[in-house]
């Protein structure tokens, strides 16, 4: 089974930056697609950024050009670099690990890390 632990959240001013990390257990990290989701109070959980096992990325329109997702398979870690943060980015950010369709395994979620953007 896979365990995910997020870190790097906190309180920042608008225009500031944060780097989130998600450390995964297991030796098969490299075959999982990884994603960052966020959920604000009263809102649906939304996909922020995703990266496939092959390194292809996808971003929500609201963060495109400001956020960058990356992965280091040797460290079993996925990152989310967040620049030019806005108050609308305030949410709990969750890391997700999704196995390929041919691999019979579950999808996993971290417990989340709070990001607050405020003056």
PDB file of N, CA and C in Angstrom:
ATOM      1  N   UNK A   1       0.833  -1.173   0.000  1.00  0.00           N
ATOM      2  CA  UNK A   1       0.000   0.000   0.000  1.00  0.00           C
ATOM      3  C   UNK A   1       0.883   1.245   0.000  1.00  0.00           C
ATOM      4  N   UNK A   2       0.253   2.359  -0.344  1.00  0.00           N
ATOM      5  CA  UNK A   2       0.959   3.620  -0.486  1.00  0.00           C
ATOM      6  C   UNK A   2       0.490   4.587   0.594  1.00  0.00           C
ATOM      7  N   UNK A   3       1.441   5.293   1.182  1.00  0.00           N
ATOM      8  CA  UNK A   3       1.135   6.380   2.099  1.00  0.00           C
ATOM      9  C   UNK A   3       1.726   7.675   1.556  1.00  0.00           C
ATOM     10  N   UNK A   4       0.963   8.748   1.654  1.00  0.00           N
ATOM     11  CA  UNK A   4       1.374  10.048   1.148  1.00  0.00           C
ATOM     12  C   UNK A   4       1.388  11.055   2.286  1.00  0.00           C
ATOM     13  N   UNK A   5       2.449  11.839   2.371  1.00  0.00           N
ATOM     14  CA  UNK A   5       2.582  12.852   3.399  1.00  0.00           C
ATOM     15  C   UNK A   5       2.932  14.178   2.753  1.00  0.00           C
ATOM     16  N   UNK A   6       2.028  15.157   2.883  1.00  0.00           N
ATOM     17  CA  UNK A   6       2.254  16.488   2.326  1.00  0.00           C
ATOM     18  C   UNK A   6       2.956  17.377   3.345  1.00  0.00           C
ATOM     19  N   UNK A   7       3.701  18.331   2.843  1.00  0.00           N
ATOM     20  CA  UNK A   7       4.330  19.334   3.676  1.00  0.00           C
ATOM     21  C   UNK A   7       4.547  20.600   2.859  1.00  0.00           C
ATOM     22  N   UNK A   8       4.825  21.700   3.541  1.00  0.00           N
ATOM     23  CA  UNK A   8       5.168  22.939   2.876  1.00  0.00           C
ATOM     24  C   UNK A   8       4.093  24.001   2.875  1.00  0.00           C
ATOM     25  N   UNK A   9       2.916  23.692   3.393  1.00  0.00           N
ATOM     26  CA  UNK A   9       1.865  24.683   3.447  1.00  0.00           C
ATOM     27  C   UNK A   9       2.148  25.735   4.499  1.00  0.00           C
ATOM     28  N   UNK A  10       1.342  26.787   4.481  1.00  0.00           N
ATOM     29  CA  UNK A  10       1.511  27.852   5.450  1.00  0.00           C
ATOM     30  C   UNK A  10       0.771  29.103   5.048  1.00  0.00           C
ATOM     31  N   UNK A  11       1.079  30.193   5.739  1.00  0.00           N
ATOM     32  CA  UNK A  11       0.476  31.494   5.494  1.00  0.00           C
ATOM     33  C   UNK A  11       1.450  32.369   4.725  1.00  0.00           C
ATOM     34  N   UNK A  12       1.000  32.892   3.595  1.00  0.00           N
ATOM     35  CA  UNK A  12       1.826  33.778   2.778  1.00  0.00           C
ATOM     36  C   UNK A  12       1.014  34.976   2.326  1.00  0.00           C
ATOM     37  N   UNK A  13       1.710  36.049   1.985  1.00  0.00           N
ATOM     38  CA  UNK A  13       1.058  37.236   1.451  1.00  0.00           C
ATOM     39  C   UNK A  13       0.785  37.070  -0.040  1.00  0.00           C
ATOM     40  N   UNK A  14      -0.218  37.776  -0.558  1.00  0.00           N
ATOM     41  CA  UNK A  14      -0.429  37.748  -2.013  1.00  0.00           C
ATOM     42  C   UNK A  14       0.850  38.106  -2.751  1.00  0.00           C
ATOM     43  N   UNK A  15       1.107  37.364  -3.826  1.00  0.00           N
ATOM     44  CA  UNK A  15       2.329  37.551  -4.583  1.00  0.00           C
ATOM     45  C   UNK A  15       3.485  36.699  -4.114  1.00  0.00           C
ATOM     46  N   UNK A  16       3.326  36.062  -2.979  1.00  0.00           N
ATOM     47  CA  UNK A  16       4.373  35.219  -2.440  1.00  0.00           C
ATOM     48  C   UNK A  16       4.407  33.849  -3.071  1.00  0.00           C
ATOM     49  N   UNK A  17       5.327  33.026  -2.587  1.00  0.00           N
ATOM     50  CA  UNK A  17       5.533  31.688  -3.136  1.00  0.00           C
ATOM     51  C   UNK A  17       5.592  30.643  -2.041  1.00  0.00           C
ATOM     52  N   UNK A  18       5.186  29.443  -2.392  1.00  0.00           N
ATOM     53  CA  UNK A  18       5.321  28.272  -1.539  1.00  0.00           C
ATOM     54  C   UNK A  18       5.690  27.082  -2.403  1.00  0.00           C
ATOM     55  N   UNK A  19       6.374  26.137  -1.803  1.00  0.00           N
ATOM     56  CA  UNK A  19       6.700  24.883  -2.464  1.00  0.00           C
ATOM     57  C   UNK A  19       6.161  23.735  -1.623  1.00  0.00           C
ATOM     58  N   UNK A  20       5.173  23.034  -2.157  1.00  0.00           N
ATOM     59  CA  UNK A  20       4.602  21.889  -1.481  1.00  0.00           C
ATOM     60  C   UNK A  20       5.334  20.622  -1.887  1.00  0.00           C
ATOM     61  N   UNK A  21       5.466  19.708  -0.942  1.00  0.00           N
ATOM     62  CA  UNK A  21       6.078  18.419  -1.205  1.00  0.00           C
ATOM     63  C   UNK A  21       5.129  17.312  -0.784  1.00  0.00           C
ATOM     64  N   UNK A  22       5.177  16.221  -1.503  1.00  0.00           N
ATOM     65  CA  UNK A  22       4.400  15.036  -1.173  1.00  0.00           C
ATOM     66  C   UNK A  22       5.326  13.842  -1.258  1.00  0.00           C
ATOM     67  N   UNK A  23       5.611  13.250  -0.120  1.00  0.00           N
ATOM     68  CA  UNK A  23       6.494  12.098  -0.049  1.00  0.00           C
ATOM     69  C   UNK A  23       5.663  10.822  -0.002  1.00  0.00           C
ATOM     70  N   UNK A  24       5.974   9.895  -0.883  1.00  0.00           N
ATOM     71  CA  UNK A  24       5.227   8.650  -0.999  1.00  0.00           C
ATOM     72  C   UNK A  24       6.070   7.465  -0.566  1.00  0.00           C
ATOM     73  N   UNK A  25       5.425   6.528   0.081  1.00  0.00           N
ATOM     74  CA  UNK A  25       6.073   5.270   0.415  1.00  0.00           C
ATOM     75  C   UNK A  25       5.954   4.316  -0.761  1.00  0.00           C
ATOM     76  N   UNK A  26       6.682   3.216  -0.690  1.00  0.00           N
ATOM     77  CA  UNK A  26       6.582   2.194  -1.713  1.00  0.00           C
ATOM     78  C   UNK A  26       7.670   2.266  -2.758  1.00  0.00           C
ATOM     79  N   UNK A  27       7.847   1.167  -3.456  1.00  0.00           N
ATOM     80  CA  UNK A  27       8.891   1.056  -4.465  1.00  0.00           C
ATOM     81  C   UNK A  27       8.367   1.175  -5.893  1.00  0.00           C
ATOM     82  N   UNK A  28       7.065   1.377  -6.052  1.00  0.00           N
ATOM     83  CA  UNK A  28       6.461   1.461  -7.379  1.00  0.00           C
ATOM     84  C   UNK A  28       5.935   2.857  -7.680  1.00  0.00           C
ATOM     85  N   UNK A  29       6.484   3.853  -6.991  1.00  0.00           N
ATOM     86  CA  UNK A  29       6.063   5.238  -7.159  1.00  0.00           C
ATOM     87  C   UNK A  29       6.109   5.681  -8.616  1.00  0.00           C
ATOM     88  N   UNK A  30       7.117   5.249  -9.347  1.00  0.00           N
ATOM     89  CA  UNK A  30       7.358   5.763 -10.683  1.00  0.00           C
ATOM     90  C   UNK A  30       6.245   5.463 -11.683  1.00  0.00           C
ATOM     91  N   UNK A  31       5.428   4.442 -11.444  1.00  0.00           N
ATOM     92  CA  UNK A  31       4.369   4.098 -12.389  1.00  0.00           C
ATOM     93  C   UNK A  31       3.062   4.835 -12.106  1.00  0.00           C
ATOM     94  N   UNK A  32       2.978   5.533 -10.990  1.00  0.00           N
ATOM     95  CA  UNK A  32       1.763   6.256 -10.631  1.00  0.00           C
ATOM     96  C   UNK A  32       1.727   7.636 -11.263  1.00  0.00           C
ATOM     97  N   UNK A  33       0.549   8.003 -11.740  1.00  0.00           N
ATOM     98  CA  UNK A  33       0.303   9.406 -12.011  1.00  0.00           C
ATOM     99  C   UNK A  33       0.092  10.112 -10.676  1.00  0.00           C
ATOM    100  N   UNK A  34       0.586  11.329 -10.561  1.00  0.00           N
ATOM    101  CA  UNK A  34       0.485  12.082  -9.323  1.00  0.00           C
ATOM    102  C   UNK A  34      -0.256  13.388  -9.581  1.00  0.00           C
ATOM    103  N   UNK A  35      -1.006  13.814  -8.592  1.00  0.00           N
ATOM    104  CA  UNK A  35      -1.746  15.053  -8.744  1.00  0.00           C
ATOM    105  C   UNK A  35      -1.842  15.833  -7.454  1.00  0.00           C
ATOM    106  N   UNK A  36      -2.043  17.127  -7.610  1.00  0.00           N
ATOM    107  CA  UNK A  36      -2.365  18.013  -6.503  1.00  0.00           C
ATOM    108  C   UNK A  36      -3.786  18.516  -6.695  1.00  0.00           C
ATOM    109  N   UNK A  37      -4.592  18.342  -5.669  1.00  0.00           N
ATOM    110  CA  UNK A  37      -5.949  18.842  -5.630  1.00  0.00           C
ATOM    111  C   UNK A  37      -6.069  19.858  -4.504  1.00  0.00           C
ATOM    112  N   UNK A  38      -7.101  20.673  -4.574  1.00  0.00           N
ATOM    113  CA  UNK A  38      -7.346  21.595  -3.473  1.00  0.00           C
ATOM    114  C   UNK A  38      -8.841  21.712  -3.222  1.00  0.00           C
ATOM    115  N   UNK A  39      -9.171  22.046  -1.991  1.00  0.00           N
ATOM    116  CA  UNK A  39     -10.562  22.220  -1.603  1.00  0.00           C
ATOM    117  C   UNK A  39     -10.674  23.368  -0.619  1.00  0.00           C
ATOM    118  N   UNK A  40     -11.453  24.365  -0.994  1.00  0.00           N
ATOM    119  CA  UNK A  40     -11.752  25.488  -0.127  1.00  0.00           C
ATOM    120  C   UNK A  40     -13.090  25.243   0.561  1.00  0.00           C
ATOM    121  N   UNK A  41     -13.343  25.888   1.697  1.00  0.00           N
ATOM    122  CA  UNK A  41     -14.616  25.705   2.392  1.00  0.00           C
ATOM    123  C   UNK A  41     -15.803  25.991   1.485  1.00  0.00           C
ATOM    124  N   UNK A  42     -16.762  25.069   1.459  1.00  0.00           N
ATOM    125  CA  UNK A  42     -17.950  25.238   0.646  1.00  0.00           C
ATOM    126  C   UNK A  42     -17.763  24.983  -0.830  1.00  0.00           C
ATOM    127  N   UNK A  43     -16.577  24.551  -1.229  1.00  0.00           N
ATOM    128  CA  UNK A  43     -16.283  24.322  -2.635  1.00  0.00           C
ATOM    129  C   UNK A  43     -15.998  22.844  -2.898  1.00  0.00           C
ATOM    130  N   UNK A  44     -16.141  22.452  -4.153  1.00  0.00           N
ATOM    131  CA  UNK A  44     -15.775  21.110  -4.572  1.00  0.00           C
ATOM    132  C   UNK A  44     -14.262  20.977  -4.642  1.00  0.00           C
ATOM    133  N   UNK A  45     -13.789  19.781  -4.406  1.00  0.00           N
ATOM    134  CA  UNK A  45     -12.373  19.523  -4.593  1.00  0.00           C
ATOM    135  C   UNK A  45     -12.052  19.591  -6.084  1.00  0.00           C
ATOM    136  N   UNK A  46     -10.989  20.294  -6.424  1.00  0.00           N
ATOM    137  CA  UNK A  46     -10.628  20.475  -7.812  1.00  0.00           C
ATOM    138  C   UNK A  46      -9.184  20.076  -8.064  1.00  0.00           C
ATOM    139  N   UNK A  47      -8.956  19.598  -9.268  1.00  0.00           N
ATOM    140  CA  UNK A  47      -7.602  19.268  -9.691  1.00  0.00           C
ATOM    141  C   UNK A  47      -6.837  20.548  -9.975  1.00  0.00           C
ATOM    142  N   UNK A  48      -5.680  20.677  -9.368  1.00  0.00           N
ATOM    143  CA  UNK A  48      -4.813  21.827  -9.581  1.00  0.00           C
ATOM    144  C   UNK A  48      -3.765  21.523 -10.640  1.00  0.00           C
ATOM    145  N   UNK A  49      -3.095  20.401 -10.490  1.00  0.00           N
ATOM    146  CA  UNK A  49      -2.038  20.007 -11.406  1.00  0.00           C
ATOM    147  C   UNK A  49      -1.845  18.509 -11.334  1.00  0.00           C
ATOM    148  N   UNK A  50      -1.426  17.920 -12.438  1.00  0.00           N
ATOM    149  CA  UNK A  50      -1.179  16.486 -12.495  1.00  0.00           C
ATOM    150  C   UNK A  50       0.040  16.207 -13.341  1.00  0.00           C
ATOM    151  N   UNK A  51       0.695  15.109 -13.035  1.00  0.00           N
ATOM    152  CA  UNK A  51       1.852  14.688 -13.805  1.00  0.00           C
ATOM    153  C   UNK A  51       1.798  13.178 -13.962  1.00  0.00           C
ATOM    154  N   UNK A  52       1.970  12.704 -15.185  1.00  0.00           N
ATOM    155  CA  UNK A  52       1.922  11.281 -15.464  1.00  0.00           C
ATOM    156  C   UNK A  52       3.263  10.632 -15.157  1.00  0.00           C
ATOM    157  N   UNK A  53       3.276   9.296 -15.235  1.00  0.00           N
ATOM    158  CA  UNK A  53       4.521   8.568 -15.034  1.00  0.00           C
ATOM    159  C   UNK A  53       5.563   8.946 -16.081  1.00  0.00           C
ATOM    160  N   UNK A  54       5.097   9.383 -17.248  1.00  0.00           N
ATOM    161  CA  UNK A  54       5.996   9.789 -18.313  1.00  0.00           C
ATOM    162  C   UNK A  54       6.411  11.245 -18.265  1.00  0.00           C
ATOM    163  N   UNK A  55       5.865  12.005 -17.309  1.00  0.00           N
ATOM    164  CA  UNK A  55       6.263  13.389 -17.139  1.00  0.00           C
ATOM    165  C   UNK A  55       5.368  14.415 -17.801  1.00  0.00           C
ATOM    166  N   UNK A  56       4.290  13.986 -18.447  1.00  0.00           N
ATOM    167  CA  UNK A  56       3.352  14.942 -19.022  1.00  0.00           C
ATOM    168  C   UNK A  56       2.580  15.641 -17.912  1.00  0.00           C
ATOM    169  N   UNK A  57       2.322  16.927 -18.078  1.00  0.00           N
ATOM    170  CA  UNK A  57       1.661  17.719 -17.041  1.00  0.00           C
ATOM    171  C   UNK A  57       0.371  18.337 -17.545  1.00  0.00           C
ATOM    172  N   UNK A  58      -0.500  18.640 -16.603  1.00  0.00           N
ATOM    173  CA  UNK A  58      -1.752  19.308 -16.886  1.00  0.00           C
ATOM    174  C   UNK A  58      -2.070  20.217 -15.714  1.00  0.00           C
ATOM    175  N   UNK A  59      -2.619  21.411 -16.002  1.00  0.00           N
ATOM    176  CA  UNK A  59      -2.896  22.400 -14.977  1.00  0.00           C
ATOM    177  C   UNK A  59      -4.290  22.963 -15.127  1.00  0.00           C
ATOM    178  N   UNK A  60      -4.880  23.305 -13.994  1.00  0.00           N
ATOM    179  CA  UNK A  60      -6.113  24.067 -14.025  1.00  0.00           C
ATOM    180  C   UNK A  60      -5.839  25.435 -14.636  1.00  0.00           C
ATOM    181  N   UNK A  61      -6.806  25.958 -15.364  1.00  0.00           N
ATOM    182  CA  UNK A  61      -6.620  27.259 -16.003  1.00  0.00           C
ATOM    183  C   UNK A  61      -6.273  28.353 -14.987  1.00  0.00           C
ATOM    184  N   UNK A  62      -6.817  28.245 -13.787  1.00  0.00           N
ATOM    185  CA  UNK A  62      -6.625  29.272 -12.783  1.00  0.00           C
ATOM    186  C   UNK A  62      -5.196  29.360 -12.261  1.00  0.00           C
ATOM    187  N   UNK A  63      -4.407  28.311 -12.451  1.00  0.00           N
ATOM    188  CA  UNK A  63      -3.037  28.303 -11.938  1.00  0.00           C
ATOM    189  C   UNK A  63      -1.995  28.235 -13.038  1.00  0.00           C
ATOM    190  N   UNK A  64      -2.426  28.082 -14.264  1.00  0.00           N
ATOM    191  CA  UNK A  64      -1.503  27.942 -15.384  1.00  0.00           C
ATOM    192  C   UNK A  64      -0.593  29.162 -15.479  1.00  0.00           C
ATOM    193  N   UNK A  65       0.688  28.910 -15.590  1.00  0.00           N
ATOM    194  CA  UNK A  65       1.664  29.981 -15.642  1.00  0.00           C
ATOM    195  C   UNK A  65       2.193  30.403 -14.296  1.00  0.00           C
ATOM    196  N   UNK A  66       1.543  29.981 -13.220  1.00  0.00           N
ATOM    197  CA  UNK A  66       1.973  30.340 -11.874  1.00  0.00           C
ATOM    198  C   UNK A  66       2.487  29.136 -11.085  1.00  0.00           C
ATOM    199  N   UNK A  67       1.898  27.970 -11.326  1.00  0.00           N
ATOM    200  CA  UNK A  67       2.246  26.754 -10.587  1.00  0.00           C
ATOM    201  C   UNK A  67       3.003  25.798 -11.499  1.00  0.00           C
ATOM    202  N   UNK A  68       3.892  25.023 -10.904  1.00  0.00           N
ATOM    203  CA  UNK A  68       4.630  23.999 -11.629  1.00  0.00           C
ATOM    204  C   UNK A  68       4.662  22.717 -10.817  1.00  0.00           C
ATOM    205  N   UNK A  69       4.218  21.625 -11.416  1.00  0.00           N
ATOM    206  CA  UNK A  69       4.297  20.321 -10.772  1.00  0.00           C
ATOM    207  C   UNK A  69       5.505  19.579 -11.322  1.00  0.00           C
ATOM    208  N   UNK A  70       6.185  18.867 -10.451  1.00  0.00           N
ATOM    209  CA  UNK A  70       7.340  18.082 -10.857  1.00  0.00           C
ATOM    210  C   UNK A  70       7.440  16.855  -9.966  1.00  0.00           C
ATOM    211  N   UNK A  71       8.243  15.899 -10.386  1.00  0.00           N
ATOM    212  CA  UNK A  71       8.419  14.696  -9.579  1.00  0.00           C
ATOM    213  C   UNK A  71       9.864  14.248  -9.617  1.00  0.00           C
ATOM    214  N   UNK A  72      10.274  13.660  -8.520  1.00  0.00           N
ATOM    215  CA  UNK A  72      11.600  13.084  -8.391  1.00  0.00           C
ATOM    216  C   UNK A  72      11.390  11.626  -8.004  1.00  0.00           C
ATOM    217  N   UNK A  73      11.442  10.748  -8.980  1.00  0.00           N
ATOM    218  CA  UNK A  73      11.152   9.337  -8.728  1.00  0.00           C
ATOM    219  C   UNK A  73      12.176   8.691  -7.797  1.00  0.00           C
ATOM    220  N   UNK A  74      13.409   9.159  -7.840  1.00  0.00           N
ATOM    221  CA  UNK A  74      14.438   8.615  -6.960  1.00  0.00           C
ATOM    222  C   UNK A  74      14.127   8.894  -5.495  1.00  0.00           C
ATOM    223  N   UNK A  75      13.411   9.991  -5.231  1.00  0.00           N
ATOM    224  CA  UNK A  75      13.039  10.358  -3.871  1.00  0.00           C
ATOM    225  C   UNK A  75      11.588  10.042  -3.546  1.00  0.00           C
ATOM    226  N   UNK A  76      10.865   9.443  -4.487  1.00  0.00           N
ATOM    227  CA  UNK A  76       9.438   9.146  -4.303  1.00  0.00           C
ATOM    228  C   UNK A  76       8.665  10.387  -3.863  1.00  0.00           C
ATOM    229  N   UNK A  77       8.932  11.493  -4.513  1.00  0.00           N
ATOM    230  CA  UNK A  77       8.365  12.770  -4.098  1.00  0.00           C
ATOM    231  C   UNK A  77       7.838  13.550  -5.290  1.00  0.00           C
ATOM    232  N   UNK A  78       6.695  14.188  -5.091  1.00  0.00           N
ATOM    233  CA  UNK A  78       6.146  15.102  -6.078  1.00  0.00           C
ATOM    234  C   UNK A  78       6.061  16.482  -5.443  1.00  0.00           C
ATOM    235  N   UNK A  79       6.289  17.517  -6.247  1.00  0.00           N
ATOM    236  CA  UNK A  79       6.335  18.885  -5.756  1.00  0.00           C
ATOM    237  C   UNK A  79       5.317  19.749  -6.480  1.00  0.00           C
ATOM    238  N   UNK A  80       4.910  20.794  -5.804  1.00  0.00           N
ATOM    239  CA  UNK A  80       4.106  21.828  -6.434  1.00  0.00           C
ATOM    240  C   UNK A  80       4.708  23.174  -6.069  1.00  0.00           C
ATOM    241  N   UNK A  81       5.372  23.791  -7.030  1.00  0.00           N
ATOM    242  CA  UNK A  81       5.910  25.128  -6.846  1.00  0.00           C
ATOM    243  C   UNK A  81       4.819  26.132  -7.175  1.00  0.00           C
ATOM    244  N   UNK A  82       4.476  26.966  -6.217  1.00  0.00           N
ATOM    245  CA  UNK A  82       3.393  27.925  -6.367  1.00  0.00           C
ATOM    246  C   UNK A  82       3.962  29.334  -6.270  1.00  0.00           C
ATOM    247  N   UNK A  83       3.864  30.077  -7.357  1.00  0.00           N
ATOM    248  CA  UNK A  83       4.352  31.445  -7.414  1.00  0.00           C
ATOM    249  C   UNK A  83       3.197  32.411  -7.620  1.00  0.00           C
ATOM    250  N   UNK A  84       3.437  33.664  -7.278  1.00  0.00           N
ATOM    251  CA  UNK A  84       2.431  34.715  -7.437  1.00  0.00           C
ATOM    252  C   UNK A  84       1.091  34.282  -6.858  1.00  0.00           C
ATOM    253  N   UNK A  85       1.127  33.852  -5.627  1.00  0.00           N
ATOM    254  CA  UNK A  85      -0.079  33.342  -4.989  1.00  0.00           C
ATOM    255  C   UNK A  85      -1.127  34.427  -4.804  1.00  0.00           C
ATOM    256  N   UNK A  86      -2.375  34.012  -4.935  1.00  0.00           N
ATOM    257  CA  UNK A  86      -3.514  34.898  -4.816  1.00  0.00           C
ATOM    258  C   UNK A  86      -4.415  34.429  -3.679  1.00  0.00           C
ATOM    259  N   UNK A  87      -5.221  35.328  -3.111  1.00  0.00           N
ATOM    260  CA  UNK A  87      -6.153  34.898  -2.060  1.00  0.00           C
ATOM    261  C   UNK A  87      -7.057  33.747  -2.499  1.00  0.00           C
ATOM    262  N   UNK A  88      -7.401  33.694  -3.776  1.00  0.00           N
ATOM    263  CA  UNK A  88      -8.246  32.620  -4.295  1.00  0.00           C
ATOM    264  C   UNK A  88      -7.573  31.254  -4.256  1.00  0.00           C
ATOM    265  N   UNK A  89      -6.268  31.221  -4.030  1.00  0.00           N
ATOM    266  CA  UNK A  89      -5.546  29.961  -3.917  1.00  0.00           C
ATOM    267  C   UNK A  89      -5.672  29.344  -2.528  1.00  0.00           C
ATOM    268  N   UNK A  90      -6.255  30.064  -1.598  1.00  0.00           N
ATOM    269  CA  UNK A  90      -6.412  29.560  -0.236  1.00  0.00           C
ATOM    270  C   UNK A  90      -7.275  28.305  -0.228  1.00  0.00           C
ATOM    271  N   UNK A  91      -6.738  27.224   0.313  1.00  0.00           N
ATOM    272  CA  UNK A  91      -7.433  25.942   0.340  1.00  0.00           C
ATOM    273  C   UNK A  91      -6.566  24.926   1.065  1.00  0.00           C
ATOM    274  N   UNK A  92      -7.146  23.774   1.325  1.00  0.00           N
ATOM    275  CA  UNK A  92      -6.364  22.622   1.734  1.00  0.00           C
ATOM    276  C   UNK A  92      -5.917  21.902   0.470  1.00  0.00           C
ATOM    277  N   UNK A  93      -4.642  21.656   0.367  1.00  0.00           N
ATOM    278  CA  UNK A  93      -4.072  21.007  -0.804  1.00  0.00           C
ATOM    279  C   UNK A  93      -3.782  19.546  -0.497  1.00  0.00           C
ATOM    280  N   UNK A  94      -4.242  18.673  -1.381  1.00  0.00           N
ATOM    281  CA  UNK A  94      -4.112  17.236  -1.208  1.00  0.00           C
ATOM    282  C   UNK A  94      -3.278  16.619  -2.321  1.00  0.00           C
ATOM    283  N   UNK A  95      -2.445  15.694  -1.944  1.00  0.00           N
ATOM    284  CA  UNK A  95      -1.664  14.918  -2.889  1.00  0.00           C
ATOM    285  C   UNK A  95      -2.410  13.630  -3.222  1.00  0.00           C
ATOM    286  N   UNK A  96      -2.382  13.243  -4.479  1.00  0.00           N
ATOM    287  CA  UNK A  96      -3.052  12.040  -4.941  1.00  0.00           C
ATOM    288  C   UNK A  96      -2.105  11.185  -5.772  1.00  0.00           C
ATOM    289  N   UNK A  97      -2.179   9.886  -5.569  1.00  0.00           N
ATOM    290  CA  UNK A  97      -1.425   8.924  -6.365  1.00  0.00           C
ATOM    291  C   UNK A  97      -2.404   7.987  -7.043  1.00  0.00           C
ATOM    292  N   UNK A  98      -2.338   7.925  -8.364  1.00  0.00           N
ATOM    293  CA  UNK A  98      -3.297   7.165  -9.152  1.00  0.00           C
ATOM    294  C   UNK A  98      -2.548   6.135 -10.001  1.00  0.00           C
ATOM    295  N   UNK A  99      -2.809   4.852  -9.792  1.00  0.00           N
ATOM    296  CA  UNK A  99      -2.090   3.835 -10.553  1.00  0.00           C
ATOM    297  C   UNK A  99      -2.575   3.757 -11.988  1.00  0.00           C
ATOM    298  N   UNK A 100      -1.767   3.235 -12.885  1.00  0.00           N
ATOM    299  CA  UNK A 100      -2.215   3.041 -14.266  1.00  0.00           C
ATOM    300  C   UNK A 100      -3.314   1.995 -14.310  1.00  0.00           C
ATOM    301  N   UNK A 101      -4.109   2.018 -15.370  1.00  0.00           N
ATOM    302  CA  UNK A 101      -5.263   1.136 -15.473  1.00  0.00           C
ATOM    303  C   UNK A 101      -4.880  -0.338 -15.482  1.00  0.00           C
ATOM    304  N   UNK A 102      -3.693  -0.635 -15.969  1.00  0.00           N
ATOM    305  CA  UNK A 102      -3.261  -2.032 -16.064  1.00  0.00           C
ATOM    306  C   UNK A 102      -2.713  -2.569 -14.729  1.00  0.00           C
ATOM    307  N   UNK A 103      -2.521  -1.670 -13.765  1.00  0.00           N
ATOM    308  CA  UNK A 103      -1.995  -2.062 -12.454  1.00  0.00           C
ATOM    309  C   UNK A 103      -3.144  -2.085 -11.457  1.00  0.00           C
ATOM    310  N   UNK A 104      -3.426  -3.256 -10.938  1.00  0.00           N
ATOM    311  CA  UNK A 104      -4.585  -3.440 -10.064  1.00  0.00           C
ATOM    312  C   UNK A 104      -4.267  -2.968  -8.644  1.00  0.00           C
ATOM    313  N   UNK A 105      -4.393  -1.665  -8.431  1.00  0.00           N
ATOM    314  CA  UNK A 105      -4.113  -1.067  -7.136  1.00  0.00           C
ATOM    315  C   UNK A 105      -5.057   0.099  -6.902  1.00  0.00           C
ATOM    316  N   UNK A 106      -5.132   0.546  -5.658  1.00  0.00           N
ATOM    317  CA  UNK A 106      -6.014   1.638  -5.279  1.00  0.00           C
ATOM    318  C   UNK A 106      -5.368   2.991  -5.521  1.00  0.00           C
ATOM    319  N   UNK A 107      -6.214   4.000  -5.616  1.00  0.00           N
ATOM    320  CA  UNK A 107      -5.757   5.377  -5.603  1.00  0.00           C
ATOM    321  C   UNK A 107      -5.599   5.822  -4.147  1.00  0.00           C
ATOM    322  N   UNK A 108      -4.601   6.650  -3.876  1.00  0.00           N
ATOM    323  CA  UNK A 108      -4.308   7.068  -2.510  1.00  0.00           C
ATOM    324  C   UNK A 108      -4.302   8.573  -2.374  1.00  0.00           C
ATOM    325  N   UNK A 109      -4.640   9.024  -1.171  1.00  0.00           N
ATOM    326  CA  UNK A 109      -4.685  10.450  -0.844  1.00  0.00           C
ATOM    327  C   UNK A 109      -3.891  10.740   0.413  1.00  0.00           C
ATOM    328  N   UNK A 110      -3.230  11.887   0.421  1.00  0.00           N
ATOM    329  CA  UNK A 110      -2.629  12.384   1.635  1.00  0.00           C
ATOM    330  C   UNK A 110      -3.676  13.066   2.498  1.00  0.00           C
ATOM    331  N   UNK A 111      -3.268  13.509   3.680  1.00  0.00           N
ATOM    332  CA  UNK A 111      -4.194  14.146   4.612  1.00  0.00           C
ATOM    333  C   UNK A 111      -4.369  15.639   4.368  1.00  0.00           C
ATOM    334  N   UNK A 112      -3.554  16.214   3.535  1.00  0.00           N
ATOM    335  CA  UNK A 112      -3.712  17.605   3.160  1.00  0.00           C
ATOM    336  C   UNK A 112      -2.813  18.550   3.932  1.00  0.00           C
ATOM    337  N   UNK A 113      -2.539  19.682   3.314  1.00  0.00           N
ATOM    338  CA  UNK A 113      -1.777  20.750   3.954  1.00  0.00           C
ATOM    339  C   UNK A 113      -2.453  22.084   3.631  1.00  0.00           C
ATOM    340  N   UNK A 114      -2.598  22.922   4.640  1.00  0.00           N
ATOM    341  CA  UNK A 114      -3.317  24.183   4.486  1.00  0.00           C
ATOM    342  C   UNK A 114      -2.431  25.242   3.851  1.00  0.00           C
ATOM    343  N   UNK A 115      -2.961  25.895   2.834  1.00  0.00           N
ATOM    344  CA  UNK A 115      -2.326  27.054   2.219  1.00  0.00           C
ATOM    345  C   UNK A 115      -3.264  28.242   2.388  1.00  0.00           C
ATOM    346  N   UNK A 116      -2.772  29.285   3.030  1.00  0.00           N
ATOM    347  CA  UNK A 116      -3.562  30.493   3.236  1.00  0.00           C
ATOM    348  C   UNK A 116      -2.819  31.677   2.655  1.00  0.00           C
ATOM    349  N   UNK A 117      -3.477  32.400   1.761  1.00  0.00           N
ATOM    350  CA  UNK A 117      -2.894  33.569   1.116  1.00  0.00           C
ATOM    351  C   UNK A 117      -3.682  34.787   1.571  1.00  0.00           C
ATOM    352  N   UNK A 118      -3.043  35.621   2.367  1.00  0.00           N
ATOM    353  CA  UNK A 118      -3.740  36.756   2.960  1.00  0.00           C
ATOM    354  C   UNK A 118      -2.749  37.828   3.382  1.00  0.00           C
ATOM    355  N   UNK A 119      -3.202  39.076   3.329  1.00  0.00           N
ATOM    356  CA  UNK A 119      -2.412  40.191   3.827  1.00  0.00           C
ATOM    357  C   UNK A 119      -2.585  40.376   5.326  1.00  0.00           C
TER     358      UNK A 119
END
